[in-house]
Amino acid sequence: MAQRKIYILHIDDRKDHHDTIVNTALRYGFQLDYCPNLTDGYKVLLSTSKYSAVILDGEAQISAEKASDFKFVSEARVLMQKLASEKGRDLPYLFYTAYRSKVDEMVYDIPVIDKKAPMEDLFEALKKLLICSDEYRIRKEHDKVFQIFEDGYLSEDKEEELLRILLKYNSHSEVKSILSLSRSFLETVLKEMAIKRVIFTEHLIKYIDSQGYDKEGYALNDYLYFLKAEHRTVQNNGEKAPYFICETIWLIQRVCSAYGPHDKRSVSVNVDNETYKITLNTAKTVVYSLLDFLLWFKDVMDRHTNDKK
């Protein structure tokens, strides 16, 4: 499988400057997208989580209505900090400018690359930034899972949800948030499977029924019921979920419900009359299970997509 492209947003009021570096970027595995001003660029970063870093000019337009000036540098820093605080996305960025000495005077902790230097200097600096990025490390570590979004099997806004889960899952203070997000994400995938008509076979339908989901009133039931209804309209050619996937669905649903938003005081889960304390290790197990489920989901979608070709 080819490695996923690393998407970089390039904000510069000179489109010709962008065009000169695009091909070199591709040799490094970077897909550069262009934006002519800072305001529109920030809106793009708010609307999608696909970008791993940002290249900024040193003297571009802050908005389409404003002329280029060096206020761009300070405004850009403010917006990148705002993105980190409001969206939890601490994206690495650097300045790529023809006025390096001037921009150097304005920043001391952000790389500044001269446009007169070899283009390789820009992308080598970008590689160093990405190595230190938690978000980049997570995308690289779970490359096949994130391919789900590039292939269009799940929407881009769900990519941001998955990133939040994986960025939090080592934090003791985020156990509740991890479990709540994991369950919500599972429900989303099940709903997508129904909409895309990638349906479970009778093997999993019977398992779902045996767990009594329909009787307990969980939000998950609506999606499972939809899946079962979809299954009944098609011949038995749906995807047979292996036993461990059935167990994975059950684990995520059961644990996350016990410590989810419906009972803020709960710190344990009861399984087969045994009580287990919910800890960070519990949350990690849920996340690993969710990743296993997503890999299975991708394999299923790949097979169904290839069958249609």
Protein backbone atom coordinates (compact mmCIF):
# COMPACT_ATOMS: atom_id res chain seq x y z
CA MET A 1 0.00 0.00 0.00
CA ALA A 2 1.34 3.46 -0.93
CA GLN A 3 2.05 5.74 1.99
CA ARG A 4 -0.48 8.48 2.60
CA LYS A 5 0.39 11.95 1.43
CA ILE A 6 1.25 14.50 4.08
CA TYR A 7 -0.93 17.55 3.48
CA ILE A 8 0.61 20.97 4.05
CA LEU A 9 -1.22 24.30 3.77
CA HIS A 10 0.82 27.05 2.09
CA ILE A 11 -0.35 30.64 2.76
CA ASP A 12 1.26 33.16 0.42
CA ASP A 13 -0.18 36.01 -1.65
CA ARG A 14 2.08 35.04 -4.57
CA LYS A 15 0.66 32.02 -6.36
CA ASP A 16 3.74 31.89 -8.59
CA HIS A 17 5.91 31.35 -5.49
CA HIS A 18 3.69 28.44 -4.50
CA ASP A 19 3.86 26.91 -7.98
CA THR A 20 7.66 26.86 -7.94
CA ILE A 21 7.86 24.57 -4.89
CA VAL A 22 4.96 22.15 -5.49
CA ASN A 23 6.90 19.54 -7.44
CA THR A 24 9.82 19.51 -5.00
CA ALA A 25 7.30 19.08 -2.18
CA LEU A 26 5.91 15.96 -3.86
CA ARG A 27 9.37 14.37 -3.88
CA TYR A 28 9.33 14.67 -0.09
CA GLY A 29 5.84 13.18 0.13
CA PHE A 30 4.18 16.53 0.80
CA GLN A 31 0.97 17.61 -0.92
CA LEU A 32 0.90 21.43 -0.86
CA ASP A 33 -2.44 23.23 -0.99
CA TYR A 34 -2.52 26.97 -1.64
CA CYS A 35 -4.32 29.81 0.10
CA PRO A 36 -3.74 33.50 -0.80
CA ASN A 37 -4.30 35.14 2.61
CA LEU A 38 -4.21 34.44 6.34
CA THR A 39 -7.92 34.87 7.12
CA ASP A 40 -9.03 32.40 4.48
CA GLY A 41 -6.22 30.05 5.44
CA TYR A 42 -7.35 30.02 9.05
CA LYS A 43 -10.90 29.19 7.95
CA VAL A 44 -9.51 26.25 5.98
CA LEU A 45 -7.65 24.99 9.07
CA LEU A 46 -10.84 25.24 11.12
CA SER A 47 -12.84 23.31 8.52
CA THR A 48 -10.57 20.29 8.10
CA SER A 49 -8.05 18.25 10.06
CA LYS A 50 -6.16 16.87 7.07
CA TYR A 51 -3.21 19.29 7.28
CA SER A 52 -0.14 18.29 9.27
CA ALA A 53 1.72 21.62 9.05
CA VAL A 54 1.55 25.16 7.64
CA ILE A 55 4.02 27.15 5.53
CA LEU A 56 3.59 30.91 5.98
CA ASP A 57 4.92 33.81 3.96
CA GLY A 58 6.53 36.65 5.92
CA GLU A 59 4.70 39.49 4.21
CA ALA A 60 1.41 38.19 2.78
CA GLN A 61 -2.12 39.55 2.99
CA ILE A 62 -3.92 39.17 6.31
CA SER A 63 -7.20 39.19 4.38
CA ALA A 64 -8.30 39.67 0.80
CA GLU A 65 -9.13 43.32 1.57
CA LYS A 66 -5.81 44.23 3.22
CA ALA A 67 -2.50 44.90 1.50
CA SER A 68 0.56 42.80 2.29
CA ASP A 69 2.73 43.92 5.23
CA PHE A 70 4.83 42.51 8.05
CA LYS A 71 1.89 42.55 10.49
CA PHE A 72 1.16 39.22 8.82
CA VAL A 73 3.82 37.56 11.02
CA SER A 74 2.34 38.59 14.38
CA GLU A 75 -1.22 37.95 13.18
CA ALA A 76 -0.24 34.51 11.93
CA ARG A 77 1.27 33.59 15.31
CA VAL A 78 -1.87 34.71 17.12
CA LEU A 79 -4.11 32.60 14.88
CA MET A 80 -1.92 29.51 15.15
CA GLN A 81 -2.01 29.82 18.96
CA LYS A 82 -5.78 30.28 18.76
CA LEU A 83 -6.07 27.11 16.68
CA ALA A 84 -4.13 25.21 19.36
CA SER A 85 -6.23 26.52 22.26
CA GLU A 86 -9.68 26.34 20.65
CA LYS A 87 -9.34 23.25 18.47
CA GLY A 88 -6.61 21.38 20.35
CA ARG A 89 -4.49 21.31 17.19
CA ASP A 90 -0.94 22.43 17.87
CA LEU A 91 0.15 22.38 14.24
CA PRO A 92 3.83 22.96 13.43
CA TYR A 93 4.52 25.90 11.13
CA LEU A 94 7.37 27.92 9.70
CA PHE A 95 7.92 31.09 7.71
CA TYR A 96 9.16 30.93 4.13
CA THR A 97 10.03 34.46 3.09
CA ALA A 98 12.22 36.63 0.87
CA TYR A 99 12.74 38.90 3.90
CA ARG A 100 14.41 36.50 6.29
CA SER A 101 16.43 39.06 8.25
CA LYS A 102 13.31 41.16 8.88
CA VAL A 103 11.18 38.17 9.96
CA ASP A 104 14.04 36.82 12.11
CA GLU A 105 13.81 40.02 14.16
CA MET A 106 10.12 39.32 14.83
CA VAL A 107 10.29 35.63 15.80
CA TYR A 108 12.84 33.67 17.79
CA ASP A 109 11.24 30.25 18.29
CA ILE A 110 9.83 29.55 14.81
CA PRO A 111 11.99 28.46 11.85
CA VAL A 112 12.45 31.07 9.13
CA ILE A 113 13.60 29.85 5.70
CA ASP A 114 14.89 32.20 3.02
CA LYS A 115 13.18 31.91 -0.37
CA LYS A 116 16.57 32.49 -1.97
CA ALA A 117 17.93 29.32 -0.36
CA PRO A 118 17.65 25.89 -2.07
CA MET A 119 14.10 24.56 -1.89
CA GLU A 120 15.43 21.46 -0.14
CA ASP A 121 16.20 23.66 2.91
CA LEU A 122 12.48 24.37 3.26
CA PHE A 123 11.39 20.75 3.18
CA GLU A 124 14.22 19.50 5.38
CA ALA A 125 13.17 22.08 7.99
CA LEU A 126 9.57 20.95 7.59
CA LYS A 127 10.57 17.30 8.13
CA LYS A 128 12.32 18.25 11.40
CA LEU A 129 9.20 20.07 12.59
CA LEU A 130 6.96 17.12 11.80
CA ILE A 131 9.16 14.65 13.68
CA CYS A 132 8.41 16.63 16.87
CA SER A 133 4.65 16.78 16.20
CA ASP A 134 2.41 14.42 18.23
CA GLU A 135 -0.29 14.63 15.58
CA TYR A 136 2.12 13.67 12.80
CA ARG A 137 3.49 10.79 14.89
CA ILE A 138 -0.04 9.46 15.44
CA ARG A 139 -0.94 9.71 11.74
CA LYS A 140 2.27 7.91 10.79
CA GLU A 141 1.83 5.20 13.44
CA HIS A 142 -1.76 4.51 12.36
CA ASP A 143 -1.31 5.22 8.67
CA LYS A 144 -3.72 2.52 7.47
CA VAL A 145 -6.48 3.68 9.82
CA PHE A 146 -6.23 7.29 8.63
CA GLN A 147 -6.38 6.08 5.04
CA ILE A 148 -10.08 5.50 5.79
CA PHE A 149 -10.69 9.24 5.55
CA GLU A 150 -8.63 9.75 2.42
CA ASP A 151 -10.57 6.93 0.76
CA GLY A 152 -13.84 8.64 1.68
CA TYR A 153 -15.13 5.79 3.88
CA LEU A 154 -15.68 8.24 6.74
CA SER A 155 -16.09 12.03 6.64
CA GLU A 156 -13.23 14.43 7.42
CA ASP A 157 -14.86 15.78 10.60
CA LYS A 158 -14.62 12.26 12.04
CA GLU A 159 -10.88 12.30 11.36
CA GLU A 160 -10.62 15.16 13.84
CA GLU A 161 -12.58 13.12 16.41
CA LEU A 162 -10.21 10.18 16.03
CA LEU A 163 -7.21 12.47 16.40
CA ARG A 164 -8.65 13.83 19.64
CA ILE A 165 -9.07 10.30 20.99
CA LEU A 166 -5.52 9.29 20.11
CA LEU A 167 -4.01 12.52 21.43
CA LYS A 168 -5.76 12.05 24.78
CA TYR A 169 -5.43 8.33 25.40
CA ASN A 170 -2.28 8.53 27.54
CA SER A 171 -3.75 11.06 29.96
CA HIS A 172 -5.22 9.99 33.33
CA SER A 173 -7.36 13.14 33.44
CA GLU A 174 -8.99 12.33 30.08
CA VAL A 175 -10.38 8.84 30.81
CA LYS A 176 -14.01 9.95 30.72
CA SER A 177 -13.50 11.98 27.56
CA ILE A 178 -11.70 9.08 25.82
CA LEU A 179 -14.51 6.65 26.60
CA SER A 180 -17.25 9.05 25.56
CA LEU A 181 -15.52 9.91 22.28
CA SER A 182 -14.76 6.24 21.55
CA ARG A 183 -18.37 5.18 21.89
CA SER A 184 -19.58 8.08 19.77
CA PHE A 185 -17.02 7.19 17.11
CA LEU A 186 -18.09 3.54 17.07
CA GLU A 187 -21.72 4.57 16.57
CA THR A 188 -20.68 6.78 13.66
CA VAL A 189 -18.90 3.90 11.92
CA LEU A 190 -21.86 1.57 12.38
CA LYS A 191 -24.15 4.19 10.91
CA GLU A 192 -21.82 4.66 7.94
CA MET A 193 -21.81 0.90 7.39
CA ALA A 194 -25.58 0.98 7.19
CA ILE A 195 -25.71 3.98 4.86
CA LYS A 196 -23.07 2.53 2.55
CA ARG A 197 -24.87 -0.82 2.62
CA VAL A 198 -21.87 -2.69 3.95
CA ILE A 199 -24.06 -4.93 6.04
CA PHE A 200 -23.53 -7.57 8.65
CA THR A 201 -24.50 -11.13 7.97
CA GLU A 202 -26.80 -13.20 10.13
CA HIS A 203 -23.80 -14.23 12.24
CA LEU A 204 -23.47 -10.74 13.72
CA ILE A 205 -27.19 -9.96 13.68
CA LYS A 206 -27.80 -12.90 15.99
CA TYR A 207 -24.97 -11.79 18.23
CA ILE A 208 -26.43 -8.28 18.49
CA ASP A 209 -29.84 -9.72 19.35
CA SER A 210 -28.34 -12.04 21.98
CA GLN A 211 -26.85 -9.05 23.83
CA GLY A 212 -30.27 -7.47 24.22
CA TYR A 213 -29.24 -4.12 22.86
CA ASP A 214 -32.74 -3.39 21.62
CA LYS A 215 -34.15 -3.80 25.13
CA GLU A 216 -31.71 -1.56 26.98
CA GLY A 217 -32.34 1.68 25.12
CA TYR A 218 -28.79 2.61 24.21
CA ALA A 219 -28.23 5.17 21.48
CA LEU A 220 -26.26 2.47 19.70
CA ASN A 221 -29.47 0.55 19.15
CA ASP A 222 -30.78 2.91 16.49
CA TYR A 223 -27.79 2.14 14.28
CA LEU A 224 -27.85 -1.58 15.00
CA TYR A 225 -31.57 -1.71 14.23
CA PHE A 226 -30.95 0.15 10.99
CA LEU A 227 -28.24 -2.34 10.10
CA LYS A 228 -30.55 -5.28 10.78
CA ALA A 229 -33.34 -3.71 8.73
CA GLU A 230 -30.91 -3.16 5.89
CA HIS A 231 -29.73 -6.75 6.17
CA ARG A 232 -33.22 -8.11 5.71
CA THR A 233 -33.61 -6.30 2.36
CA VAL A 234 -30.58 -7.96 0.77
CA GLN A 235 -29.56 -11.51 0.03
CA ASN A 236 -27.09 -13.05 2.46
CA ASN A 237 -24.00 -11.53 0.88
CA GLY A 238 -23.04 -9.12 3.62
CA GLU A 239 -19.74 -9.13 5.45
CA LYS A 240 -19.32 -11.81 8.09
CA ALA A 241 -17.90 -10.18 11.20
CA PRO A 242 -15.40 -12.39 13.01
CA TYR A 243 -16.10 -13.25 16.62
CA PHE A 244 -13.46 -10.89 17.95
CA ILE A 245 -15.09 -7.96 16.13
CA CYS A 246 -18.40 -8.81 17.79
CA GLU A 247 -16.57 -8.83 21.13
CA THR A 248 -14.92 -5.51 20.26
CA ILE A 249 -18.29 -3.84 19.62
CA TRP A 250 -19.59 -5.24 22.89
CA LEU A 251 -16.51 -4.14 24.84
CA ILE A 252 -16.59 -0.55 23.61
CA GLN A 253 -20.33 -0.22 24.10
CA ARG A 254 -20.39 -1.81 27.56
CA VAL A 255 -17.40 -0.06 29.08
CA CYS A 256 -18.14 3.36 27.59
CA SER A 257 -21.77 3.19 28.73
CA ALA A 258 -20.70 2.38 32.29
CA TYR A 259 -18.47 5.44 32.43
CA GLY A 260 -20.19 7.66 29.89
CA PRO A 261 -22.24 10.84 30.11
CA HIS A 262 -25.31 9.00 31.44
CA ASP A 263 -23.70 8.32 34.83
CA LYS A 264 -20.99 10.80 35.78
CA ARG A 265 -20.30 9.12 39.12
CA SER A 266 -19.57 5.66 37.77
CA VAL A 267 -15.96 4.49 38.11
CA SER A 268 -16.45 0.78 37.50
CA VAL A 269 -18.12 -1.67 35.14
CA ASN A 270 -19.92 -4.89 36.00
CA VAL A 271 -19.29 -7.91 33.77
CA ASP A 272 -20.67 -11.36 34.60
CA ASN A 273 -21.35 -10.25 38.20
CA GLU A 274 -17.75 -9.10 38.64
CA THR A 275 -16.94 -5.42 39.22
CA TYR A 276 -13.91 -3.93 37.51
CA LYS A 277 -12.48 -0.50 38.23
CA ILE A 278 -12.20 1.74 35.18
CA THR A 279 -8.69 3.18 34.83
CA LEU A 280 -6.48 4.69 32.16
CA ASN A 281 -5.55 1.13 31.12
CA THR A 282 -9.26 0.47 30.55
CA ALA A 283 -9.44 3.51 28.27
CA LYS A 284 -6.35 2.36 26.38
CA THR A 285 -7.91 -1.07 25.86
CA VAL A 286 -11.01 0.58 24.42
CA VAL A 287 -8.90 2.71 22.06
CA TYR A 288 -6.87 -0.29 20.87
CA SER A 289 -10.13 -2.18 20.31
CA LEU A 290 -11.55 0.74 18.35
CA LEU A 291 -8.45 0.78 16.14
CA ASP A 292 -8.80 -2.97 15.50
CA PHE A 293 -12.44 -2.42 14.57
CA LEU A 294 -11.49 0.40 12.17
CA LEU A 295 -8.88 -1.77 10.45
CA TRP A 296 -11.53 -4.45 9.94
CA PHE A 297 -13.96 -1.80 8.69
CA LYS A 298 -11.37 -0.57 6.17
CA ASP A 299 -10.72 -4.09 4.90
CA VAL A 300 -14.46 -4.63 4.46
CA MET A 301 -14.88 -1.34 2.60
CA ASP A 302 -11.86 -2.07 0.39
CA ARG A 303 -13.31 -5.44 -0.61
CA HIS A 304 -16.75 -4.01 -1.35
CA THR A 305 -15.25 -1.13 -3.30
CA ASN A 306 -13.04 -3.45 -5.36
CA ASP A 307 -15.98 -5.79 -6.03
CA LYS A 308 -17.88 -2.93 -7.65
CA LYS A 309 -15.02 -2.07 -10.02
